[in-house]
Amino acid sequence: MALGAKRFGGPAHRADRIKIMVADPYKLPAYLSDLGGNDPDAHHADPSQLIRIVRNFLDVSPAGVPLPGPTRLAESFALFAAGLPALAREIEHRPQEVGGFKNYRTYLWCVGEFLKRAA
């Protein structure tokens, strides 16, 4: 969809950048082989690698300020992951019910709540 928006979405999307990530290198299905010259970065299912890839791709905040380094972001993620079970219980969820792929909107609420409380 991102490639389609970039190609056909008009001037507002022409400069959009995308980042493709996979758990293991060279494992993309054949039907994804033509990604317009965008080679995926492998994160090997390691959250710290995934954080590094995304941080280095984005590089700056929407305000143009450099993002913290990947080590600092990984430390923050570890704090969030440690606090996630308690946040889940506060909203009457079991910790295993809240995850990015399992229940995205609830997970996003937990992220927002963690950030509010950390500020």
Protein backbone atom coordinates (compact mmCIF):
# COMPACT_ATOMS: atom_id res chain seq x y z
CA MET A 1 0.00 0.00 0.00
CA ALA A 2 2.84 2.40 0.81
CA LEU A 3 4.40 1.84 -2.59
CA GLY A 4 1.02 2.39 -4.25
CA ALA A 5 0.48 5.65 -2.35
CA LYS A 6 3.95 6.80 -3.32
CA ARG A 7 3.38 5.93 -6.98
CA PHE A 8 -0.26 6.93 -7.46
CA GLY A 9 -1.13 9.11 -4.46
CA GLY A 10 -0.29 12.45 -5.98
CA PRO A 11 2.33 15.04 -5.10
CA ALA A 12 1.75 14.77 -1.35
CA HIS A 13 3.04 11.19 -1.34
CA ARG A 14 5.78 11.31 -3.99
CA ALA A 15 8.50 12.06 -1.43
CA ASP A 16 7.26 9.48 1.10
CA ARG A 17 9.89 7.03 2.24
CA ILE A 18 9.23 3.46 3.31
CA LYS A 19 11.19 0.88 5.29
CA ILE A 20 10.67 -2.82 4.71
CA MET A 21 11.62 -5.19 7.53
CA VAL A 22 11.64 -8.95 7.77
CA ALA A 23 12.51 -11.35 10.58
CA ASP A 24 15.08 -13.23 8.49
CA PRO A 25 16.99 -12.07 5.41
CA TYR A 26 16.21 -13.56 2.01
CA LYS A 27 12.88 -15.03 3.17
CA LEU A 28 10.45 -12.82 1.27
CA PRO A 29 7.89 -14.80 -0.69
CA ALA A 30 8.33 -14.73 -4.45
CA TYR A 31 5.29 -12.49 -4.95
CA LEU A 32 7.04 -9.76 -2.93
CA SER A 33 10.27 -9.96 -4.86
CA ASP A 34 9.67 -6.73 -6.80
CA LEU A 35 9.54 -3.98 -4.22
CA GLY A 36 10.77 -1.20 -6.44
CA GLY A 37 14.40 -1.42 -5.37
CA ASN A 38 13.57 -1.39 -1.65
CA ASP A 39 15.67 -4.05 0.03
CA PRO A 40 14.36 -5.21 3.42
CA ASP A 41 16.40 -4.98 6.61
CA ALA A 42 16.43 -8.15 8.72
CA HIS A 43 15.72 -7.71 12.42
CA HIS A 44 15.96 -11.44 13.30
CA ALA A 45 12.93 -11.09 15.64
CA ASP A 46 15.13 -9.06 18.01
CA PRO A 47 13.33 -5.96 19.35
CA SER A 48 16.60 -4.06 19.78
CA GLN A 49 17.47 -4.63 16.11
CA LEU A 50 13.98 -3.59 15.03
CA ILE A 51 14.28 -0.43 17.14
CA ARG A 52 17.68 0.33 15.60
CA ILE A 53 16.34 -0.08 12.05
CA VAL A 54 13.28 2.11 12.61
CA ARG A 55 15.21 4.76 14.57
CA ASN A 56 17.92 5.03 11.93
CA PHE A 57 15.31 5.16 9.16
CA LEU A 58 13.31 7.94 10.81
CA ASP A 59 16.39 9.74 12.19
CA VAL A 60 14.53 12.85 13.36
CA SER A 61 11.26 13.69 15.12
CA PRO A 62 8.45 15.42 13.21
CA ALA A 63 9.85 18.67 14.66
CA GLY A 64 13.22 17.95 13.02
CA VAL A 65 15.05 17.14 16.27
CA PRO A 66 17.39 14.11 16.15
CA LEU A 67 15.85 11.07 17.83
CA PRO A 68 17.57 9.50 20.82
CA GLY A 69 20.02 6.74 19.93
CA PRO A 70 18.83 3.17 19.46
CA THR A 71 20.31 2.06 22.81
CA ARG A 72 18.29 4.69 24.69
CA LEU A 73 15.14 3.79 22.77
CA ALA A 74 15.68 0.08 23.49
CA GLU A 75 16.06 0.89 27.20
CA SER A 76 12.76 2.80 27.11
CA PHE A 77 11.09 -0.10 25.32
CA ALA A 78 12.37 -2.51 27.99
CA LEU A 79 10.80 -0.30 30.68
CA PHE A 80 7.53 -0.27 28.74
CA ALA A 81 7.60 -4.06 28.27
CA ALA A 82 8.20 -4.54 32.01
CA GLY A 83 5.27 -2.26 32.85
CA LEU A 84 2.88 -3.61 30.22
CA PRO A 85 1.46 -6.45 32.35
CA ALA A 86 0.39 -4.01 35.09
CA LEU A 87 -1.16 -1.65 32.51
CA ALA A 88 -3.03 -4.56 30.96
CA ARG A 89 -4.38 -5.67 34.34
CA GLU A 90 -5.56 -2.09 35.05
CA ILE A 91 -7.89 -2.35 32.07
CA GLU A 92 -8.95 -5.91 32.89
CA HIS A 93 -6.86 -7.64 30.26
CA ARG A 94 -4.47 -10.48 30.74
CA PRO A 95 -0.95 -9.42 29.73
CA GLN A 96 -0.84 -11.98 26.91
CA GLU A 97 -3.99 -10.44 25.41
CA VAL A 98 -2.27 -7.11 24.77
CA GLY A 99 0.23 -6.99 21.95
CA GLY A 100 0.88 -5.14 18.74
CA PHE A 101 -0.45 -7.93 16.55
CA LYS A 102 -3.07 -9.27 18.96
CA ASN A 103 -4.96 -6.17 20.01
CA TYR A 104 -3.38 -3.13 18.38
CA ARG A 105 -5.72 -0.42 19.67
CA THR A 106 -5.41 -1.60 23.26
CA TYR A 107 -1.65 -1.92 22.86
CA LEU A 108 -1.53 1.63 21.50
CA TRP A 109 -3.52 2.86 24.51
CA CYS A 110 -0.98 1.17 26.80
CA VAL A 111 1.88 2.87 24.95
CA GLY A 112 0.19 6.24 25.32
CA GLU A 113 -0.54 5.66 29.01
CA PHE A 114 3.06 4.59 29.63
CA LEU A 115 4.34 7.74 27.92
CA LYS A 116 1.99 9.97 29.92
CA ARG A 117 3.11 8.43 33.17
CA ALA A 118 6.80 8.58 32.23
CA ALA A 119 6.64 12.32 31.47
